[in-house]
Amino acid sequence: MTKILNNIVLFPGVENNKLKEIENDLLITQKKIKSQMNFPDYDLVQIDKKDIITFAEYGDVMFFDTFTARRLISCLATRIVEQENIINDLSESQDD
């Protein structure tokens, strides 16, 4: 959680509720993704937009075991390729 702490001023004796909320959300996301990546058909899992936004903002402070991380990378790369194909198809159809 170093990145989060680097961007937040902590005052002694005062609890930062927003920080606790962010940390809780990250733990929930990590557990959910780990569970999904352990499914036999993990490649069919649709990673929702909220999780992708969480990865974009806090991915560098999240921790996954190597098994989960490899499968997650595969799923995210597949999503990127699929979206690029959709964009290319739309561009081609507009050119016609």
PDB file of N, CA and C in Angstrom:
ATOM      1  N   MET A   1       0.807  -1.188   0.000  1.00  0.00           N
ATOM      2  CA  MET A   1       0.000   0.000   0.000  1.00  0.00           C
ATOM      3  C   MET A   1       0.860   1.266   0.000  1.00  0.00           C
ATOM      4  N   THR A   2       2.124   1.150  -0.358  1.00  0.00           N
ATOM      5  CA  THR A   2       3.035   2.278  -0.329  1.00  0.00           C
ATOM      6  C   THR A   2       2.565   3.426  -1.207  1.00  0.00           C
ATOM      7  N   LYS A   3       2.097   3.129  -2.406  1.00  0.00           N
ATOM      8  CA  LYS A   3       1.654   4.184  -3.311  1.00  0.00           C
ATOM      9  C   LYS A   3       0.529   4.980  -2.673  1.00  0.00           C
ATOM     10  N   ILE A   4      -0.396   4.299  -2.063  1.00  0.00           N
ATOM     11  CA  ILE A   4      -1.520   4.978  -1.436  1.00  0.00           C
ATOM     12  C   ILE A   4      -1.009   5.875  -0.311  1.00  0.00           C
ATOM     13  N   LEU A   5      -0.127   5.350   0.522  1.00  0.00           N
ATOM     14  CA  LEU A   5       0.381   6.126   1.644  1.00  0.00           C
ATOM     15  C   LEU A   5       1.236   7.301   1.190  1.00  0.00           C
ATOM     16  N   ASN A   6       1.909   7.191   0.064  1.00  0.00           N
ATOM     17  CA  ASN A   6       2.725   8.291  -0.437  1.00  0.00           C
ATOM     18  C   ASN A   6       1.881   9.476  -0.869  1.00  0.00           C
ATOM     19  N   ASN A   7       0.629   9.249  -1.203  1.00  0.00           N
ATOM     20  CA  ASN A   7      -0.244  10.310  -1.689  1.00  0.00           C
ATOM     21  C   ASN A   7      -1.184  10.845  -0.615  1.00  0.00           C
ATOM     22  N   ILE A   8      -1.075  10.360   0.618  1.00  0.00           N
ATOM     23  CA  ILE A   8      -1.996  10.742   1.677  1.00  0.00           C
ATOM     24  C   ILE A   8      -1.209  11.222   2.882  1.00  0.00           C
ATOM     25  N   VAL A   9      -1.621  12.360   3.421  1.00  0.00           N
ATOM     26  CA  VAL A   9      -1.000  12.870   4.634  1.00  0.00           C
ATOM     27  C   VAL A   9      -1.709  12.226   5.818  1.00  0.00           C
ATOM     28  N   LEU A  10      -0.942  11.547   6.650  1.00  0.00           N
ATOM     29  CA  LEU A  10      -1.510  10.891   7.824  1.00  0.00           C
ATOM     30  C   LEU A  10      -1.211  11.729   9.067  1.00  0.00           C
ATOM     31  N   PHE A  11      -2.255  12.057   9.804  1.00  0.00           N
ATOM     32  CA  PHE A  11      -2.103  12.817  11.030  1.00  0.00           C
ATOM     33  C   PHE A  11      -2.153  11.857  12.213  1.00  0.00           C
ATOM     34  N   PRO A  12      -1.263  12.022  13.183  1.00  0.00           N
ATOM     35  CA  PRO A  12      -1.239  11.122  14.344  1.00  0.00           C
ATOM     36  C   PRO A  12      -2.570  11.141  15.097  1.00  0.00           C
ATOM     37  N   GLY A  13      -3.050   9.953  15.437  1.00  0.00           N
ATOM     38  CA  GLY A  13      -4.260   9.827  16.225  1.00  0.00           C
ATOM     39  C   GLY A  13      -5.558  10.005  15.455  1.00  0.00           C
ATOM     40  N   VAL A  14      -5.468  10.219  14.146  1.00  0.00           N
ATOM     41  CA  VAL A  14      -6.670  10.413  13.337  1.00  0.00           C
ATOM     42  C   VAL A  14      -6.759   9.282  12.314  1.00  0.00           C
ATOM     43  N   GLU A  15      -7.912   8.613  12.265  1.00  0.00           N
ATOM     44  CA  GLU A  15      -8.101   7.550  11.286  1.00  0.00           C
ATOM     45  C   GLU A  15      -8.578   8.148   9.962  1.00  0.00           C
ATOM     46  N   ASN A  16      -8.004   7.685   8.889  1.00  0.00           N
ATOM     47  CA  ASN A  16      -8.411   8.153   7.567  1.00  0.00           C
ATOM     48  C   ASN A  16      -9.391   7.121   7.000  1.00  0.00           C
ATOM     49  N   ASN A  17     -10.668   7.464   7.045  1.00  0.00           N
ATOM     50  CA  ASN A  17     -11.707   6.530   6.605  1.00  0.00           C
ATOM     51  C   ASN A  17     -11.605   6.214   5.116  1.00  0.00           C
ATOM     52  N   LYS A  18     -11.221   7.199   4.317  1.00  0.00           N
ATOM     53  CA  LYS A  18     -11.094   6.963   2.873  1.00  0.00           C
ATOM     54  C   LYS A  18      -9.986   5.941   2.599  1.00  0.00           C
ATOM     55  N   LEU A  19      -8.885   6.045   3.315  1.00  0.00           N
ATOM     56  CA  LEU A  19      -7.782   5.093   3.155  1.00  0.00           C
ATOM     57  C   LEU A  19      -8.240   3.690   3.526  1.00  0.00           C
ATOM     58  N   LYS A  20      -8.965   3.564   4.621  1.00  0.00           N
ATOM     59  CA  LYS A  20      -9.473   2.251   5.036  1.00  0.00           C
ATOM     60  C   LYS A  20     -10.417   1.684   3.981  1.00  0.00           C
ATOM     61  N   GLU A  21     -11.241   2.550   3.400  1.00  0.00           N
ATOM     62  CA  GLU A  21     -12.179   2.116   2.355  1.00  0.00           C
ATOM     63  C   GLU A  21     -11.426   1.617   1.126  1.00  0.00           C
ATOM     64  N   ILE A  22     -10.397   2.350   0.719  1.00  0.00           N
ATOM     65  CA  ILE A  22      -9.600   1.943  -0.445  1.00  0.00           C
ATOM     66  C   ILE A  22      -8.908   0.611  -0.180  1.00  0.00           C
ATOM     67  N   GLU A  23      -8.297   0.474   0.978  1.00  0.00           N
ATOM     68  CA  GLU A  23      -7.602  -0.768   1.319  1.00  0.00           C
ATOM     69  C   GLU A  23      -8.578  -1.944   1.347  1.00  0.00           C
ATOM     70  N   ASN A  24      -9.767  -1.727   1.891  1.00  0.00           N
ATOM     71  CA  ASN A  24     -10.786  -2.773   1.927  1.00  0.00           C
ATOM     72  C   ASN A  24     -11.225  -3.162   0.520  1.00  0.00           C
ATOM     73  N   ASP A  25     -11.451  -2.159  -0.337  1.00  0.00           N
ATOM     74  CA  ASP A  25     -11.836  -2.434  -1.728  1.00  0.00           C
ATOM     75  C   ASP A  25     -10.757  -3.222  -2.459  1.00  0.00           C
ATOM     76  N   LEU A  26      -9.498  -2.884  -2.200  1.00  0.00           N
ATOM     77  CA  LEU A  26      -8.401  -3.609  -2.848  1.00  0.00           C
ATOM     78  C   LEU A  26      -8.363  -5.063  -2.407  1.00  0.00           C
ATOM     79  N   LEU A  27      -8.549  -5.299  -1.122  1.00  0.00           N
ATOM     80  CA  LEU A  27      -8.556  -6.681  -0.626  1.00  0.00           C
ATOM     81  C   LEU A  27      -9.711  -7.472  -1.230  1.00  0.00           C
ATOM     82  N   ILE A  28     -10.878  -6.862  -1.319  1.00  0.00           N
ATOM     83  CA  ILE A  28     -12.034  -7.531  -1.915  1.00  0.00           C
ATOM     84  C   ILE A  28     -11.756  -7.859  -3.375  1.00  0.00           C
ATOM     85  N   THR A  29     -11.207  -6.896  -4.113  1.00  0.00           N
ATOM     86  CA  THR A  29     -10.895  -7.121  -5.531  1.00  0.00           C
ATOM     87  C   THR A  29      -9.866  -8.234  -5.685  1.00  0.00           C
ATOM     88  N   GLN A  30      -8.816  -8.215  -4.873  1.00  0.00           N
ATOM     89  CA  GLN A  30      -7.781  -9.247  -4.959  1.00  0.00           C
ATOM     90  C   GLN A  30      -8.359 -10.629  -4.682  1.00  0.00           C
ATOM     91  N   LYS A  31      -9.195 -10.759  -3.662  1.00  0.00           N
ATOM     92  CA  LYS A  31      -9.788 -12.058  -3.340  1.00  0.00           C
ATOM     93  C   LYS A  31     -10.723 -12.519  -4.455  1.00  0.00           C
ATOM     94  N   LYS A  32     -11.518 -11.598  -4.993  1.00  0.00           N
ATOM     95  CA  LYS A  32     -12.448 -11.943  -6.068  1.00  0.00           C
ATOM     96  C   LYS A  32     -11.700 -12.421  -7.307  1.00  0.00           C
ATOM     97  N   ILE A  33     -10.655 -11.684  -7.697  1.00  0.00           N
ATOM     98  CA  ILE A  33      -9.880 -12.051  -8.887  1.00  0.00           C
ATOM     99  C   ILE A  33      -9.176 -13.383  -8.673  1.00  0.00           C
ATOM    100  N   LYS A  34      -8.607 -13.592  -7.489  1.00  0.00           N
ATOM    101  CA  LYS A  34      -7.941 -14.868  -7.210  1.00  0.00           C
ATOM    102  C   LYS A  34      -8.928 -16.017  -7.344  1.00  0.00           C
ATOM    103  N   SER A  35     -10.121 -15.835  -6.811  1.00  0.00           N
ATOM    104  CA  SER A  35     -11.155 -16.866  -6.908  1.00  0.00           C
ATOM    105  C   SER A  35     -11.527 -17.132  -8.364  1.00  0.00           C
ATOM    106  N   GLN A  36     -11.735 -16.060  -9.119  1.00  0.00           N
ATOM    107  CA  GLN A  36     -12.123 -16.220 -10.522  1.00  0.00           C
ATOM    108  C   GLN A  36     -11.024 -16.882 -11.344  1.00  0.00           C
ATOM    109  N   MET A  37      -9.777 -16.551 -11.077  1.00  0.00           N
ATOM    110  CA  MET A  37      -8.667 -17.107 -11.851  1.00  0.00           C
ATOM    111  C   MET A  37      -8.397 -18.561 -11.491  1.00  0.00           C
ATOM    112  N   ASN A  38      -9.000 -19.051 -10.421  1.00  0.00           N
ATOM    113  CA  ASN A  38      -8.865 -20.458 -10.055  1.00  0.00           C
ATOM    114  C   ASN A  38      -9.960 -21.324 -10.661  1.00  0.00           C
ATOM    115  N   PHE A  39     -10.931 -20.699 -11.348  1.00  0.00           N
ATOM    116  CA  PHE A  39     -11.954 -21.483 -12.041  1.00  0.00           C
ATOM    117  C   PHE A  39     -11.296 -22.260 -13.177  1.00  0.00           C
ATOM    118  N   PRO A  40     -11.776 -23.475 -13.464  1.00  0.00           N
ATOM    119  CA  PRO A  40     -11.213 -24.218 -14.597  1.00  0.00           C
ATOM    120  C   PRO A  40     -11.386 -23.464 -15.926  1.00  0.00           C
ATOM    121  N   ASP A  41     -12.479 -22.729 -16.051  1.00  0.00           N
ATOM    122  CA  ASP A  41     -12.716 -21.974 -17.287  1.00  0.00           C
ATOM    123  C   ASP A  41     -12.466 -20.479 -17.065  1.00  0.00           C
ATOM    124  N   TYR A  42     -11.339 -20.178 -16.408  1.00  0.00           N
ATOM    125  CA  TYR A  42     -10.981 -18.799 -16.076  1.00  0.00           C
ATOM    126  C   TYR A  42     -10.965 -17.888 -17.298  1.00  0.00           C
ATOM    127  N   ASP A  43     -10.657 -18.449 -18.458  1.00  0.00           N
ATOM    128  CA  ASP A  43     -10.558 -17.633 -19.670  1.00  0.00           C
ATOM    129  C   ASP A  43     -11.913 -17.123 -20.144  1.00  0.00           C
ATOM    130  N   LEU A  44     -12.996 -17.625 -19.577  1.00  0.00           N
ATOM    131  CA  LEU A  44     -14.334 -17.149 -19.917  1.00  0.00           C
ATOM    132  C   LEU A  44     -14.841 -16.095 -18.938  1.00  0.00           C
ATOM    133  N   VAL A  45     -14.069 -15.846 -17.889  1.00  0.00           N
ATOM    134  CA  VAL A  45     -14.467 -14.864 -16.877  1.00  0.00           C
ATOM    135  C   VAL A  45     -14.423 -13.464 -17.489  1.00  0.00           C
ATOM    136  N   GLN A  46     -15.487 -12.703 -17.260  1.00  0.00           N
ATOM    137  CA  GLN A  46     -15.523 -11.316 -17.702  1.00  0.00           C
ATOM    138  C   GLN A  46     -15.081 -10.427 -16.534  1.00  0.00           C
ATOM    139  N   ILE A  47     -13.936  -9.806 -16.674  1.00  0.00           N
ATOM    140  CA  ILE A  47     -13.455  -8.899 -15.630  1.00  0.00           C
ATOM    141  C   ILE A  47     -14.201  -7.588 -15.805  1.00  0.00           C
ATOM    142  N   ASP A  48     -14.899  -7.167 -14.749  1.00  0.00           N
ATOM    143  CA  ASP A  48     -15.758  -5.994 -14.902  1.00  0.00           C
ATOM    144  C   ASP A  48     -14.964  -4.690 -14.897  1.00  0.00           C
ATOM    145  N   LYS A  49     -15.647  -3.654 -15.358  1.00  0.00           N
ATOM    146  CA  LYS A  49     -15.001  -2.353 -15.539  1.00  0.00           C
ATOM    147  C   LYS A  49     -14.462  -1.800 -14.216  1.00  0.00           C
ATOM    148  N   LYS A  50     -15.185  -2.001 -13.132  1.00  0.00           N
ATOM    149  CA  LYS A  50     -14.749  -1.502 -11.821  1.00  0.00           C
ATOM    150  C   LYS A  50     -13.392  -2.104 -11.444  1.00  0.00           C
ATOM    151  N   ASP A  51     -13.214  -3.394 -11.705  1.00  0.00           N
ATOM    152  CA  ASP A  51     -11.937  -4.047 -11.394  1.00  0.00           C
ATOM    153  C   ASP A  51     -10.818  -3.515 -12.281  1.00  0.00           C
ATOM    154  N   ILE A  52     -11.117  -3.262 -13.535  1.00  0.00           N
ATOM    155  CA  ILE A  52     -10.095  -2.732 -14.441  1.00  0.00           C
ATOM    156  C   ILE A  52      -9.672  -1.335 -14.001  1.00  0.00           C
ATOM    157  N   ILE A  53     -10.632  -0.529 -13.564  1.00  0.00           N
ATOM    158  CA  ILE A  53     -10.298   0.802 -13.046  1.00  0.00           C
ATOM    159  C   ILE A  53      -9.431   0.670 -11.797  1.00  0.00           C
ATOM    160  N   THR A  54      -9.757  -0.296 -10.942  1.00  0.00           N
ATOM    161  CA  THR A  54      -8.952  -0.537  -9.735  1.00  0.00           C
ATOM    162  C   THR A  54      -7.531  -0.936 -10.117  1.00  0.00           C
ATOM    163  N   PHE A  55      -7.369  -1.801 -11.123  1.00  0.00           N
ATOM    164  CA  PHE A  55      -6.030  -2.193 -11.578  1.00  0.00           C
ATOM    165  C   PHE A  55      -5.264  -0.986 -12.108  1.00  0.00           C
ATOM    166  N   ALA A  56      -5.969  -0.126 -12.857  1.00  0.00           N
ATOM    167  CA  ALA A  56      -5.317   1.056 -13.428  1.00  0.00           C
ATOM    168  C   ALA A  56      -4.810   1.985 -12.330  1.00  0.00           C
ATOM    169  N   GLU A  57      -5.586   2.136 -11.270  1.00  0.00           N
ATOM    170  CA  GLU A  57      -5.215   3.064 -10.207  1.00  0.00           C
ATOM    171  C   GLU A  57      -4.250   2.461  -9.182  1.00  0.00           C
ATOM    172  N   TYR A  58      -4.445   1.190  -8.846  1.00  0.00           N
ATOM    173  CA  TYR A  58      -3.704   0.605  -7.726  1.00  0.00           C
ATOM    174  C   TYR A  58      -3.007  -0.713  -8.055  1.00  0.00           C
ATOM    175  N   GLY A  59      -2.922  -1.059  -9.322  1.00  0.00           N
ATOM    176  CA  GLY A  59      -2.326  -2.341  -9.703  1.00  0.00           C
ATOM    177  C   GLY A  59      -0.904  -2.535  -9.219  1.00  0.00           C
ATOM    178  N   ASP A  60      -0.173  -1.435  -9.099  1.00  0.00           N
ATOM    179  CA  ASP A  60       1.225  -1.564  -8.674  1.00  0.00           C
ATOM    180  C   ASP A  60       1.383  -1.836  -7.186  1.00  0.00           C
ATOM    181  N   VAL A  61       0.302  -1.763  -6.414  1.00  0.00           N
ATOM    182  CA  VAL A  61       0.390  -2.083  -4.985  1.00  0.00           C
ATOM    183  C   VAL A  61      -0.420  -3.322  -4.631  1.00  0.00           C
ATOM    184  N   MET A  62      -1.000  -3.961  -5.635  1.00  0.00           N
ATOM    185  CA  MET A  62      -1.776  -5.178  -5.404  1.00  0.00           C
ATOM    186  C   MET A  62      -0.850  -6.379  -5.546  1.00  0.00           C
ATOM    187  N   PHE A  63      -1.162  -7.431  -4.799  1.00  0.00           N
ATOM    188  CA  PHE A  63      -0.327  -8.626  -4.833  1.00  0.00           C
ATOM    189  C   PHE A  63      -1.161  -9.847  -5.191  1.00  0.00           C
ATOM    190  N   PHE A  64      -0.641 -10.626  -6.142  1.00  0.00           N
ATOM    191  CA  PHE A  64      -1.264 -11.880  -6.551  1.00  0.00           C
ATOM    192  C   PHE A  64      -0.176 -12.947  -6.600  1.00  0.00           C
ATOM    193  N   ASP A  65      -0.558 -14.182  -6.302  1.00  0.00           N
ATOM    194  CA  ASP A  65       0.414 -15.262  -6.465  1.00  0.00           C
ATOM    195  C   ASP A  65       0.676 -15.421  -7.968  1.00  0.00           C
ATOM    196  N   THR A  66       1.764 -16.092  -8.312  1.00  0.00           N
ATOM    197  CA  THR A  66       2.162 -16.161  -9.726  1.00  0.00           C
ATOM    198  C   THR A  66       1.123 -16.858 -10.592  1.00  0.00           C
ATOM    199  N   PHE A  67       0.456 -17.867 -10.074  1.00  0.00           N
ATOM    200  CA  PHE A  67      -0.575 -18.582 -10.825  1.00  0.00           C
ATOM    201  C   PHE A  67      -1.700 -17.634 -11.206  1.00  0.00           C
ATOM    202  N   THR A  68      -2.205 -16.895 -10.224  1.00  0.00           N
ATOM    203  CA  THR A  68      -3.284 -15.935 -10.462  1.00  0.00           C
ATOM    204  C   THR A  68      -2.819 -14.832 -11.405  1.00  0.00           C
ATOM    205  N   ALA A  69      -1.619 -14.322 -11.188  1.00  0.00           N
ATOM    206  CA  ALA A  69      -1.095 -13.231 -12.012  1.00  0.00           C
ATOM    207  C   ALA A  69      -0.973 -13.647 -13.481  1.00  0.00           C
ATOM    208  N   ARG A  70      -0.478 -14.858 -13.729  1.00  0.00           N
ATOM    209  CA  ARG A  70      -0.338 -15.323 -15.122  1.00  0.00           C
ATOM    210  C   ARG A  70      -1.694 -15.401 -15.804  1.00  0.00           C
ATOM    211  N   ARG A  71      -2.675 -15.948 -15.098  1.00  0.00           N
ATOM    212  CA  ARG A  71      -4.005 -16.068 -15.688  1.00  0.00           C
ATOM    213  C   ARG A  71      -4.658 -14.699 -15.871  1.00  0.00           C
ATOM    214  N   LEU A  72      -4.445 -13.814 -14.926  1.00  0.00           N
ATOM    215  CA  LEU A  72      -5.005 -12.468 -15.028  1.00  0.00           C
ATOM    216  C   LEU A  72      -4.411 -11.716 -16.216  1.00  0.00           C
ATOM    217  N   ILE A  73      -3.113 -11.825 -16.404  1.00  0.00           N
ATOM    218  CA  ILE A  73      -2.458 -11.196 -17.557  1.00  0.00           C
ATOM    219  C   ILE A  73      -3.066 -11.722 -18.849  1.00  0.00           C
ATOM    220  N   SER A  74      -3.273 -13.024 -18.918  1.00  0.00           N
ATOM    221  CA  SER A  74      -3.868 -13.629 -20.105  1.00  0.00           C
ATOM    222  C   SER A  74      -5.266 -13.071 -20.377  1.00  0.00           C
ATOM    223  N   CYS A  75      -6.076 -12.980 -19.331  1.00  0.00           N
ATOM    224  CA  CYS A  75      -7.451 -12.470 -19.487  1.00  0.00           C
ATOM    225  C   CYS A  75      -7.457 -11.001 -19.910  1.00  0.00           C
ATOM    226  N   LEU A  76      -6.608 -10.193 -19.286  1.00  0.00           N
ATOM    227  CA  LEU A  76      -6.557  -8.777 -19.635  1.00  0.00           C
ATOM    228  C   LEU A  76      -6.036  -8.573 -21.055  1.00  0.00           C
ATOM    229  N   ALA A  77      -5.038  -9.337 -21.456  1.00  0.00           N
ATOM    230  CA  ALA A  77      -4.518  -9.229 -22.817  1.00  0.00           C
ATOM    231  C   ALA A  77      -5.581  -9.638 -23.831  1.00  0.00           C
ATOM    232  N   THR A  78      -6.334 -10.675 -23.529  1.00  0.00           N
ATOM    233  CA  THR A  78      -7.413 -11.111 -24.413  1.00  0.00           C
ATOM    234  C   THR A  78      -8.451 -10.008 -24.563  1.00  0.00           C
ATOM    235  N   ARG A  79      -8.787  -9.366 -23.458  1.00  0.00           N
ATOM    236  CA  ARG A  79      -9.770  -8.268 -23.510  1.00  0.00           C
ATOM    237  C   ARG A  79      -9.267  -7.121 -24.375  1.00  0.00           C
ATOM    238  N   ILE A  80      -7.993  -6.786 -24.262  1.00  0.00           N
ATOM    239  CA  ILE A  80      -7.413  -5.716 -25.071  1.00  0.00           C
ATOM    240  C   ILE A  80      -7.490  -6.076 -26.554  1.00  0.00           C
ATOM    241  N   VAL A  81      -7.110  -7.298 -26.892  1.00  0.00           N
ATOM    242  CA  VAL A  81      -7.143  -7.738 -28.292  1.00  0.00           C
ATOM    243  C   VAL A  81      -8.571  -7.698 -28.830  1.00  0.00           C
ATOM    244  N   GLU A  82      -9.534  -8.178 -28.036  1.00  0.00           N
ATOM    245  CA  GLU A  82     -10.926  -8.162 -28.470  1.00  0.00           C
ATOM    246  C   GLU A  82     -11.414  -6.741 -28.714  1.00  0.00           C
ATOM    247  N   GLN A  83     -11.058  -5.822 -27.841  1.00  0.00           N
ATOM    248  CA  GLN A  83     -11.484  -4.433 -28.014  1.00  0.00           C
ATOM    249  C   GLN A  83     -10.816  -3.791 -29.221  1.00  0.00           C
ATOM    250  N   GLU A  84      -9.551  -4.111 -29.462  1.00  0.00           N
ATOM    251  CA  GLU A  84      -8.879  -3.602 -30.657  1.00  0.00           C
ATOM    252  C   GLU A  84      -9.546  -4.119 -31.921  1.00  0.00           C
ATOM    253  N   ASN A  85      -9.945  -5.397 -31.907  1.00  0.00           N
ATOM    254  CA  ASN A  85     -10.638  -5.961 -33.068  1.00  0.00           C
ATOM    255  C   ASN A  85     -11.971  -5.261 -33.316  1.00  0.00           C
ATOM    256  N   ILE A  86     -12.697  -4.955 -32.263  1.00  0.00           N
ATOM    257  CA  ILE A  86     -13.970  -4.247 -32.406  1.00  0.00           C
ATOM    258  C   ILE A  86     -13.738  -2.860 -32.992  1.00  0.00           C
ATOM    259  N   ILE A  87     -12.731  -2.163 -32.492  1.00  0.00           N
ATOM    260  CA  ILE A  87     -12.417  -0.821 -32.999  1.00  0.00           C
ATOM    261  C   ILE A  87     -12.017  -0.899 -34.468  1.00  0.00           C
ATOM    262  N   ASN A  88     -11.182  -1.875 -34.819  1.00  0.00           N
ATOM    263  CA  ASN A  88     -10.765  -2.033 -36.223  1.00  0.00           C
ATOM    264  C   ASN A  88     -11.951  -2.346 -37.122  1.00  0.00           C
ATOM    265  N   ASP A  89     -12.848  -3.216 -36.662  1.00  0.00           N
ATOM    266  CA  ASP A  89     -14.046  -3.536 -37.451  1.00  0.00           C
ATOM    267  C   ASP A  89     -14.913  -2.307 -37.661  1.00  0.00           C
ATOM    268  N   LEU A  90     -15.059  -1.502 -36.623  1.00  0.00           N
ATOM    269  CA  LEU A  90     -15.854  -0.280 -36.738  1.00  0.00           C
ATOM    270  C   LEU A  90     -15.200   0.714 -37.703  1.00  0.00           C
ATOM    271  N   SER A  91     -13.883   0.837 -37.647  1.00  0.00           N
ATOM    272  CA  SER A  91     -13.175   1.736 -38.555  1.00  0.00           C
ATOM    273  C   SER A  91     -13.340   1.289 -39.999  1.00  0.00           C
ATOM    274  N   GLU A  92     -13.198  -0.005 -40.225  1.00  0.00           N
ATOM    275  CA  GLU A  92     -13.349  -0.541 -41.584  1.00  0.00           C
ATOM    276  C   GLU A  92     -14.750  -0.340 -42.114  1.00  0.00           C
ATOM    277  N   SER A  93     -15.754  -0.512 -41.266  1.00  0.00           N
ATOM    278  CA  SER A  93     -17.132  -0.354 -41.728  1.00  0.00           C
ATOM    279  C   SER A  93     -17.447   1.111 -42.031  1.00  0.00           C
ATOM    280  N   GLN A  94     -16.785   2.030 -41.350  1.00  0.00           N
ATOM    281  CA  GLN A  94     -16.999   3.460 -41.629  1.00  0.00           C
ATOM    282  C   GLN A  94     -16.296   3.876 -42.913  1.00  0.00           C
ATOM    283  N   ASP A  95     -15.198   3.196 -43.248  1.00  0.00           N
ATOM    284  CA  ASP A  95     -14.469   3.501 -44.477  1.00  0.00           C
ATOM    285  C   ASP A  95     -15.218   3.083 -45.715  1.00  0.00           C
ATOM    286  N   ASP A  96     -16.092   2.073 -45.584  1.00  0.00           N
ATOM    287  CA  ASP A  96     -16.815   1.548 -46.744  1.00  0.00           C
ATOM    288  C   ASP A  96     -17.917   2.449 -47.179  1.00  0.00           C
TER     289      ASP A  96
END
